[in-house]
């Protein structure tokens, strides 16, 4: 069985959000755990890994933030993502 790429590998450089929906949500995030959840959800929506733990975590976050999850999916489907620079900003 092939190795599963870790979510951290698809989160963009330095765990920066790729969607405007997550950028907006991060401004209101109450702490590090919420930030981790938001970045995880965005990465999971882009490339859902096949493991049950990730799927369960994503499901919990999606249930807690249904409109955010829908906004992320809409942005990803619409291809409105900005170009990602590999340089820190």
PDB file of N, CA and C in Angstrom:
ATOM      1  N   UNK A   1       0.850  -1.175   0.000  1.00  0.00           N
ATOM      2  CA  UNK A   1       0.000   0.000   0.000  1.00  0.00           C
ATOM      3  C   UNK A   1       0.889   1.230   0.000  1.00  0.00           C
ATOM      4  N   UNK A   2       0.593   2.256  -0.840  1.00  0.00           N
ATOM      5  CA  UNK A   2       1.407   3.462  -0.947  1.00  0.00           C
ATOM      6  C   UNK A   2       1.275   4.349   0.271  1.00  0.00           C
ATOM      7  N   UNK A   3       2.258   5.191   0.434  1.00  0.00           N
ATOM      8  CA  UNK A   3       2.231   6.106   1.570  1.00  0.00           C
ATOM      9  C   UNK A   3       1.257   7.236   1.298  1.00  0.00           C
ATOM     10  N   UNK A   4       0.587   7.698   2.343  1.00  0.00           N
ATOM     11  CA  UNK A   4      -0.351   8.798   2.256  1.00  0.00           C
ATOM     12  C   UNK A   4       0.409  10.079   2.543  1.00  0.00           C
ATOM     13  N   UNK A   5       0.230  11.070   1.686  1.00  0.00           N
ATOM     14  CA  UNK A   5       0.897  12.353   1.881  1.00  0.00           C
ATOM     15  C   UNK A   5       0.292  13.051   3.097  1.00  0.00           C
ATOM     16  N   UNK A   6       1.119  13.525   4.034  1.00  0.00           N
ATOM     17  CA  UNK A   6       0.569  14.196   5.210  1.00  0.00           C
ATOM     18  C   UNK A   6      -0.121  15.485   4.806  1.00  0.00           C
ATOM     19  N   UNK A   7      -1.143  15.859   5.573  1.00  0.00           N
ATOM     20  CA  UNK A   7      -1.873  17.083   5.259  1.00  0.00           C
ATOM     21  C   UNK A   7      -0.974  18.300   5.285  1.00  0.00           C
ATOM     22  N   UNK A   8       0.037  18.304   6.128  1.00  0.00           N
ATOM     23  CA  UNK A   8       0.924  19.460   6.196  1.00  0.00           C
ATOM     24  C   UNK A   8       1.598  19.714   4.854  1.00  0.00           C
ATOM     25  N   UNK A   9       1.720  18.691   4.035  1.00  0.00           N
ATOM     26  CA  UNK A   9       2.371  18.849   2.740  1.00  0.00           C
ATOM     27  C   UNK A   9       1.485  19.552   1.725  1.00  0.00           C
ATOM     28  N   UNK A  10       0.178  19.615   1.983  1.00  0.00           N
ATOM     29  CA  UNK A  10      -0.729  20.256   1.031  1.00  0.00           C
ATOM     30  C   UNK A  10      -1.313  21.553   1.555  1.00  0.00           C
ATOM     31  N   UNK A  11      -0.828  22.040   2.658  1.00  0.00           N
ATOM     32  CA  UNK A  11      -1.390  23.237   3.266  1.00  0.00           C
ATOM     33  C   UNK A  11      -0.818  24.530   2.713  1.00  0.00           C
ATOM     34  N   UNK A  12       0.027  24.481   1.751  1.00  0.00           N
ATOM     35  CA  UNK A  12       0.626  25.705   1.263  1.00  0.00           C
ATOM     36  C   UNK A  12       1.861  26.027   2.079  1.00  0.00           C
ATOM     37  N   UNK A  13       2.655  26.931   1.567  1.00  0.00           N
ATOM     38  CA  UNK A  13       3.904  27.253   2.251  1.00  0.00           C
ATOM     39  C   UNK A  13       3.662  27.782   3.665  1.00  0.00           C
ATOM     40  N   UNK A  14       4.383  27.235   4.588  1.00  0.00           N
ATOM     41  CA  UNK A  14       4.353  27.679   5.990  1.00  0.00           C
ATOM     42  C   UNK A  14       2.945  27.682   6.570  1.00  0.00           C
ATOM     43  N   UNK A  15       2.112  26.743   6.138  1.00  0.00           N
ATOM     44  CA  UNK A  15       0.749  26.596   6.655  1.00  0.00           C
ATOM     45  C   UNK A  15      -0.079  27.868   6.488  1.00  0.00           C
ATOM     46  N   UNK A  16       0.122  28.552   5.387  1.00  0.00           N
ATOM     47  CA  UNK A  16      -0.681  29.750   5.093  1.00  0.00           C
ATOM     48  C   UNK A  16      -1.967  29.312   4.397  1.00  0.00           C
ATOM     49  N   UNK A  17      -3.056  29.979   4.696  1.00  0.00           N
ATOM     50  CA  UNK A  17      -4.322  29.611   4.050  1.00  0.00           C
ATOM     51  C   UNK A  17      -4.303  29.966   2.564  1.00  0.00           C
ATOM     52  N   UNK A  18      -4.981  29.163   1.784  1.00  0.00           N
ATOM     53  CA  UNK A  18      -5.049  29.388   0.350  1.00  0.00           C
ATOM     54  C   UNK A  18      -6.373  29.990  -0.085  1.00  0.00           C
ATOM     55  N   UNK A  19      -7.410  29.872   0.744  1.00  0.00           N
ATOM     56  CA  UNK A  19      -8.721  30.407   0.375  1.00  0.00           C
ATOM     57  C   UNK A  19      -9.032  31.660   1.184  1.00  0.00           C
ATOM     58  N   UNK A  20      -9.790  32.536   0.562  1.00  0.00           N
ATOM     59  CA  UNK A  20     -10.209  33.763   1.250  1.00  0.00           C
ATOM     60  C   UNK A  20     -11.128  33.414   2.431  1.00  0.00           C
ATOM     61  N   UNK A  21     -11.936  32.369   2.286  1.00  0.00           N
ATOM     62  CA  UNK A  21     -12.833  31.961   3.371  1.00  0.00           C
ATOM     63  C   UNK A  21     -12.045  31.641   4.640  1.00  0.00           C
ATOM     64  N   UNK A  22     -10.967  30.906   4.503  1.00  0.00           N
ATOM     65  CA  UNK A  22     -10.162  30.560   5.678  1.00  0.00           C
ATOM     66  C   UNK A  22      -9.406  31.780   6.189  1.00  0.00           C
ATOM     67  N   UNK A  23      -8.942  32.643   5.291  1.00  0.00           N
ATOM     68  CA  UNK A  23      -8.266  33.863   5.761  1.00  0.00           C
ATOM     69  C   UNK A  23      -9.198  34.697   6.640  1.00  0.00           C
ATOM     70  N   UNK A  24     -10.451  34.828   6.210  1.00  0.00           N
ATOM     71  CA  UNK A  24     -11.426  35.589   7.012  1.00  0.00           C
ATOM     72  C   UNK A  24     -11.664  34.913   8.359  1.00  0.00           C
ATOM     73  N   UNK A  25     -11.822  33.591   8.329  1.00  0.00           N
ATOM     74  CA  UNK A  25     -12.089  32.854   9.570  1.00  0.00           C
ATOM     75  C   UNK A  25     -10.903  32.934  10.529  1.00  0.00           C
ATOM     76  N   UNK A  26      -9.694  32.951  10.004  1.00  0.00           N
ATOM     77  CA  UNK A  26      -8.511  33.027  10.866  1.00  0.00           C
ATOM     78  C   UNK A  26      -8.452  34.337  11.634  1.00  0.00           C
ATOM     79  N   UNK A  27      -8.961  35.403  11.042  1.00  0.00           N
ATOM     80  CA  UNK A  27      -8.950  36.706  11.740  1.00  0.00           C
ATOM     81  C   UNK A  27      -9.802  36.662  13.011  1.00  0.00           C
ATOM     82  N   UNK A  28     -10.798  35.784  13.038  1.00  0.00           N
ATOM     83  CA  UNK A  28     -11.679  35.678  14.198  1.00  0.00           C
ATOM     84  C   UNK A  28     -11.367  34.472  15.076  1.00  0.00           C
ATOM     85  N   UNK A  29     -10.350  33.708  14.721  1.00  0.00           N
ATOM     86  CA  UNK A  29     -10.022  32.481  15.465  1.00  0.00           C
ATOM     87  C   UNK A  29      -9.593  32.820  16.892  1.00  0.00           C
ATOM     88  N   UNK A  30     -10.176  32.134  17.876  1.00  0.00           N
ATOM     89  CA  UNK A  30      -9.888  32.457  19.279  1.00  0.00           C
ATOM     90  C   UNK A  30      -8.557  31.928  19.810  1.00  0.00           C
ATOM     91  N   UNK A  31      -7.891  31.061  19.083  1.00  0.00           N
ATOM     92  CA  UNK A  31      -6.634  30.520  19.597  1.00  0.00           C
ATOM     93  C   UNK A  31      -5.978  29.559  18.631  1.00  0.00           C
ATOM     94  N   UNK A  32      -4.860  29.001  19.079  1.00  0.00           N
ATOM     95  CA  UNK A  32      -4.074  28.113  18.226  1.00  0.00           C
ATOM     96  C   UNK A  32      -4.835  26.860  17.795  1.00  0.00           C
ATOM     97  N   UNK A  33      -5.649  26.302  18.664  1.00  0.00           N
ATOM     98  CA  UNK A  33      -6.399  25.093  18.299  1.00  0.00           C
ATOM     99  C   UNK A  33      -7.377  25.392  17.164  1.00  0.00           C
ATOM    100  N   UNK A  34      -8.032  26.540  17.230  1.00  0.00           N
ATOM    101  CA  UNK A  34      -8.963  26.926  16.167  1.00  0.00           C
ATOM    102  C   UNK A  34      -8.216  27.172  14.863  1.00  0.00           C
ATOM    103  N   UNK A  35      -7.056  27.790  14.936  1.00  0.00           N
ATOM    104  CA  UNK A  35      -6.237  28.035  13.749  1.00  0.00           C
ATOM    105  C   UNK A  35      -5.839  26.709  13.119  1.00  0.00           C
ATOM    106  N   UNK A  36      -5.391  25.774  13.934  1.00  0.00           N
ATOM    107  CA  UNK A  36      -5.021  24.448  13.431  1.00  0.00           C
ATOM    108  C   UNK A  36      -6.209  23.775  12.746  1.00  0.00           C
ATOM    109  N   UNK A  37      -7.390  23.881  13.353  1.00  0.00           N
ATOM    110  CA  UNK A  37      -8.583  23.268  12.767  1.00  0.00           C
ATOM    111  C   UNK A  37      -8.935  23.891  11.417  1.00  0.00           C
ATOM    112  N   UNK A  38      -8.839  25.206  11.318  1.00  0.00           N
ATOM    113  CA  UNK A  38      -9.179  25.879  10.065  1.00  0.00           C
ATOM    114  C   UNK A  38      -8.216  25.484   8.938  1.00  0.00           C
ATOM    115  N   UNK A  39      -6.936  25.481   9.247  1.00  0.00           N
ATOM    116  CA  UNK A  39      -5.948  25.094   8.243  1.00  0.00           C
ATOM    117  C   UNK A  39      -6.094  23.618   7.866  1.00  0.00           C
ATOM    118  N   UNK A  40      -6.399  22.793   8.856  1.00  0.00           N
ATOM    119  CA  UNK A  40      -6.621  21.366   8.594  1.00  0.00           C
ATOM    120  C   UNK A  40      -7.813  21.183   7.660  1.00  0.00           C
ATOM    121  N   UNK A  41      -8.923  21.871   7.952  1.00  0.00           N
ATOM    122  CA  UNK A  41     -10.123  21.715   7.128  1.00  0.00           C
ATOM    123  C   UNK A  41      -9.858  22.119   5.685  1.00  0.00           C
ATOM    124  N   UNK A  42      -9.172  23.234   5.489  1.00  0.00           N
ATOM    125  CA  UNK A  42      -8.872  23.666   4.127  1.00  0.00           C
ATOM    126  C   UNK A  42      -8.029  22.613   3.400  1.00  0.00           C
ATOM    127  N   UNK A  43      -6.995  22.119   4.068  1.00  0.00           N
ATOM    128  CA  UNK A  43      -6.133  21.102   3.454  1.00  0.00           C
ATOM    129  C   UNK A  43      -6.918  19.825   3.183  1.00  0.00           C
ATOM    130  N   UNK A  44      -7.786  19.435   4.106  1.00  0.00           N
ATOM    131  CA  UNK A  44      -8.580  18.216   3.935  1.00  0.00           C
ATOM    132  C   UNK A  44      -9.525  18.361   2.746  1.00  0.00           C
ATOM    133  N   UNK A  45     -10.133  19.540   2.591  1.00  0.00           N
ATOM    134  CA  UNK A  45     -11.038  19.764   1.453  1.00  0.00           C
ATOM    135  C   UNK A  45     -10.282  19.680   0.132  1.00  0.00           C
ATOM    136  N   UNK A  46      -9.012  20.061   0.131  1.00  0.00           N
ATOM    137  CA  UNK A  46      -8.212  20.009  -1.092  1.00  0.00           C
ATOM    138  C   UNK A  46      -7.803  18.585  -1.433  1.00  0.00           C
ATOM    139  N   UNK A  47      -7.338  17.845  -0.440  1.00  0.00           N
ATOM    140  CA  UNK A  47      -6.816  16.495  -0.654  1.00  0.00           C
ATOM    141  C   UNK A  47      -7.171  15.615   0.539  1.00  0.00           C
ATOM    142  N   UNK A  48      -8.403  15.099   0.603  1.00  0.00           N
ATOM    143  CA  UNK A  48      -8.779  14.282   1.758  1.00  0.00           C
ATOM    144  C   UNK A  48      -7.995  12.974   1.806  1.00  0.00           C
ATOM    145  N   UNK A  49      -7.230  12.771   2.865  1.00  0.00           N
ATOM    146  CA  UNK A  49      -6.505  11.508   2.990  1.00  0.00           C
ATOM    147  C   UNK A  49      -7.487  10.379   3.333  1.00  0.00           C
ATOM    148  N   UNK A  50      -7.115   9.146   3.038  1.00  0.00           N
ATOM    149  CA  UNK A  50      -8.037   8.033   3.233  1.00  0.00           C
ATOM    150  C   UNK A  50      -8.131   7.514   4.673  1.00  0.00           C
ATOM    151  N   UNK A  51      -7.404   8.103   5.606  1.00  0.00           N
ATOM    152  CA  UNK A  51      -7.452   7.548   6.968  1.00  0.00           C
ATOM    153  C   UNK A  51      -8.680   8.043   7.725  1.00  0.00           C
ATOM    154  N   UNK A  52      -9.193   7.179   8.578  1.00  0.00           N
ATOM    155  CA  UNK A  52     -10.435   7.450   9.299  1.00  0.00           C
ATOM    156  C   UNK A  52     -10.293   8.588  10.301  1.00  0.00           C
ATOM    157  N   UNK A  53      -9.144   8.714  10.933  1.00  0.00           N
ATOM    158  CA  UNK A  53      -8.948   9.787  11.910  1.00  0.00           C
ATOM    159  C   UNK A  53      -9.090  11.161  11.290  1.00  0.00           C
ATOM    160  N   UNK A  54      -8.469  11.363  10.141  1.00  0.00           N
ATOM    161  CA  UNK A  54      -8.578  12.648   9.447  1.00  0.00           C
ATOM    162  C   UNK A  54     -10.002  12.905   8.993  1.00  0.00           C
ATOM    163  N   UNK A  55     -10.649  11.874   8.510  1.00  0.00           N
ATOM    164  CA  UNK A  55     -12.027  12.017   8.050  1.00  0.00           C
ATOM    165  C   UNK A  55     -12.957  12.390   9.194  1.00  0.00           C
ATOM    166  N   UNK A  56     -12.782  11.752  10.345  1.00  0.00           N
ATOM    167  CA  UNK A  56     -13.611  12.083  11.507  1.00  0.00           C
ATOM    168  C   UNK A  56     -13.360  13.507  11.984  1.00  0.00           C
ATOM    169  N   UNK A  57     -12.084  13.903  12.036  1.00  0.00           N
ATOM    170  CA  UNK A  57     -11.760  15.274  12.463  1.00  0.00           C
ATOM    171  C   UNK A  57     -12.374  16.286  11.500  1.00  0.00           C
ATOM    172  N   UNK A  58     -12.222  16.059  10.203  1.00  0.00           N
ATOM    173  CA  UNK A  58     -12.790  16.980   9.221  1.00  0.00           C
ATOM    174  C   UNK A  58     -14.312  17.052   9.369  1.00  0.00           C
ATOM    175  N   UNK A  59     -14.939  15.907   9.609  1.00  0.00           N
ATOM    176  CA  UNK A  59     -16.397  15.895   9.795  1.00  0.00           C
ATOM    177  C   UNK A  59     -16.845  16.720  10.977  1.00  0.00           C
ATOM    178  N   UNK A  60     -16.107  16.644  12.065  1.00  0.00           N
ATOM    179  CA  UNK A  60     -16.447  17.446  13.253  1.00  0.00           C
ATOM    180  C   UNK A  60     -16.308  18.930  12.961  1.00  0.00           C
ATOM    181  N   UNK A  61     -15.232  19.306  12.308  1.00  0.00           N
ATOM    182  CA  UNK A  61     -15.004  20.721  12.001  1.00  0.00           C
ATOM    183  C   UNK A  61     -16.062  21.213  11.016  1.00  0.00           C
ATOM    184  N   UNK A  62     -16.398  20.393  10.037  1.00  0.00           N
ATOM    185  CA  UNK A  62     -17.416  20.777   9.056  1.00  0.00           C
ATOM    186  C   UNK A  62     -18.783  20.947   9.710  1.00  0.00           C
ATOM    187  N   UNK A  63     -19.122  20.062  10.645  1.00  0.00           N
ATOM    188  CA  UNK A  63     -20.412  20.191  11.346  1.00  0.00           C
ATOM    189  C   UNK A  63     -20.461  21.452  12.201  1.00  0.00           C
ATOM    190  N   UNK A  64     -19.333  21.836  12.769  1.00  0.00           N
ATOM    191  CA  UNK A  64     -19.278  23.036  13.601  1.00  0.00           C
ATOM    192  C   UNK A  64     -19.267  24.316  12.760  1.00  0.00           C
ATOM    193  N   UNK A  65     -18.845  24.202  11.500  1.00  0.00           N
ATOM    194  CA  UNK A  65     -18.707  25.366  10.616  1.00  0.00           C
ATOM    195  C   UNK A  65     -19.243  25.059   9.220  1.00  0.00           C
ATOM    196  N   UNK A  66     -20.534  24.742   9.101  1.00  0.00           N
ATOM    197  CA  UNK A  66     -21.032  24.308   7.794  1.00  0.00           C
ATOM    198  C   UNK A  66     -20.911  25.369   6.705  1.00  0.00           C
ATOM    199  N   UNK A  67     -21.138  26.621   7.029  1.00  0.00           N
ATOM    200  CA  UNK A  67     -21.040  27.645   5.986  1.00  0.00           C
ATOM    201  C   UNK A  67     -19.588  27.849   5.555  1.00  0.00           C
ATOM    202  N   UNK A  68     -18.658  27.772   6.485  1.00  0.00           N
ATOM    203  CA  UNK A  68     -17.243  27.893   6.135  1.00  0.00           C
ATOM    204  C   UNK A  68     -16.816  26.742   5.231  1.00  0.00           C
ATOM    205  N   UNK A  69     -17.217  25.540   5.578  1.00  0.00           N
ATOM    206  CA  UNK A  69     -16.866  24.376   4.755  1.00  0.00           C
ATOM    207  C   UNK A  69     -17.409  24.543   3.337  1.00  0.00           C
ATOM    208  N   UNK A  70     -18.621  25.051   3.204  1.00  0.00           N
ATOM    209  CA  UNK A  70     -19.209  25.269   1.885  1.00  0.00           C
ATOM    210  C   UNK A  70     -18.464  26.360   1.123  1.00  0.00           C
ATOM    211  N   UNK A  71     -18.074  27.427   1.810  1.00  0.00           N
ATOM    212  CA  UNK A  71     -17.312  28.496   1.154  1.00  0.00           C
ATOM    213  C   UNK A  71     -15.966  27.985   0.650  1.00  0.00           C
ATOM    214  N   UNK A  72     -15.302  27.169   1.452  1.00  0.00           N
ATOM    215  CA  UNK A  72     -14.015  26.606   1.047  1.00  0.00           C
ATOM    216  C   UNK A  72     -14.201  25.747  -0.202  1.00  0.00           C
ATOM    217  N   UNK A  73     -15.189  24.859  -0.175  1.00  0.00           N
ATOM    218  CA  UNK A  73     -15.442  23.999  -1.332  1.00  0.00           C
ATOM    219  C   UNK A  73     -15.770  24.824  -2.570  1.00  0.00           C
ATOM    220  N   UNK A  74     -16.570  25.875  -2.412  1.00  0.00           N
ATOM    221  CA  UNK A  74     -16.932  26.713  -3.557  1.00  0.00           C
ATOM    222  C   UNK A  74     -15.702  27.408  -4.136  1.00  0.00           C
ATOM    223  N   UNK A  75     -14.846  27.916  -3.270  1.00  0.00           N
ATOM    224  CA  UNK A  75     -13.619  28.556  -3.765  1.00  0.00           C
ATOM    225  C   UNK A  75     -12.723  27.560  -4.486  1.00  0.00           C
ATOM    226  N   UNK A  76     -12.566  26.392  -3.904  1.00  0.00           N
ATOM    227  CA  UNK A  76     -11.705  25.386  -4.517  1.00  0.00           C
ATOM    228  C   UNK A  76     -12.256  24.925  -5.866  1.00  0.00           C
ATOM    229  N   UNK A  77     -13.570  24.765  -5.960  1.00  0.00           N
ATOM    230  CA  UNK A  77     -14.181  24.348  -7.223  1.00  0.00           C
ATOM    231  C   UNK A  77     -14.127  25.458  -8.251  1.00  0.00           C
ATOM    232  N   UNK A  78     -14.228  26.696  -7.783  1.00  0.00           N
ATOM    233  CA  UNK A  78     -14.241  27.836  -8.697  1.00  0.00           C
ATOM    234  C   UNK A  78     -12.869  28.220  -9.205  1.00  0.00           C
ATOM    235  N   UNK A  79     -11.836  27.634  -8.624  1.00  0.00           N
ATOM    236  CA  UNK A  79     -10.485  27.931  -9.073  1.00  0.00           C
ATOM    237  C   UNK A  79     -10.050  29.350  -8.798  1.00  0.00           C
ATOM    238  N   UNK A  80     -10.611  29.964  -7.762  1.00  0.00           N
ATOM    239  CA  UNK A  80     -10.279  31.353  -7.474  1.00  0.00           C
ATOM    240  C   UNK A  80      -9.137  31.470  -6.471  1.00  0.00           C
ATOM    241  N   UNK A  81      -8.225  30.529  -6.475  1.00  0.00           N
ATOM    242  CA  UNK A  81      -7.119  30.566  -5.541  1.00  0.00           C
ATOM    243  C   UNK A  81      -6.010  31.467  -6.070  1.00  0.00           C
ATOM    244  N   UNK A  82      -5.410  32.256  -5.182  1.00  0.00           N
ATOM    245  CA  UNK A  82      -4.299  33.096  -5.620  1.00  0.00           C
ATOM    246  C   UNK A  82      -3.066  32.233  -5.882  1.00  0.00           C
ATOM    247  N   UNK A  83      -2.142  32.730  -6.680  1.00  0.00           N
ATOM    248  CA  UNK A  83      -0.897  31.986  -6.872  1.00  0.00           C
ATOM    249  C   UNK A  83      -0.146  31.886  -5.549  1.00  0.00           C
ATOM    250  N   UNK A  84       0.483  30.751  -5.314  1.00  0.00           N
ATOM    251  CA  UNK A  84       1.194  30.532  -4.057  1.00  0.00           C
ATOM    252  C   UNK A  84       2.677  30.770  -4.274  1.00  0.00           C
ATOM    253  N   UNK A  85       3.235  31.651  -3.502  1.00  0.00           N
ATOM    254  CA  UNK A  85       4.660  31.926  -3.570  1.00  0.00           C
ATOM    255  C   UNK A  85       5.385  31.039  -2.575  1.00  0.00           C
ATOM    256  N   UNK A  86       6.553  30.589  -2.936  1.00  0.00           N
ATOM    257  CA  UNK A  86       7.335  29.781  -2.004  1.00  0.00           C
ATOM    258  C   UNK A  86       8.182  30.661  -1.091  1.00  0.00           C
ATOM    259  N   UNK A  87       8.112  31.955  -1.299  1.00  0.00           N
ATOM    260  CA  UNK A  87       8.880  32.887  -0.473  1.00  0.00           C
ATOM    261  C   UNK A  87       8.027  33.379   0.686  1.00  0.00           C
ATOM    262  N   UNK A  88       8.598  33.521   1.884  1.00  0.00           N
ATOM    263  CA  UNK A  88       7.832  34.061   3.013  1.00  0.00           C
ATOM    264  C   UNK A  88       7.475  35.520   2.736  1.00  0.00           C
ATOM    265  N   UNK A  89       6.350  35.923   3.294  1.00  0.00           N
ATOM    266  CA  UNK A  89       5.904  37.308   3.081  1.00  0.00           C
ATOM    267  C   UNK A  89       5.947  38.097   4.352  1.00  0.00           C
TER     268      UNK A  89
END
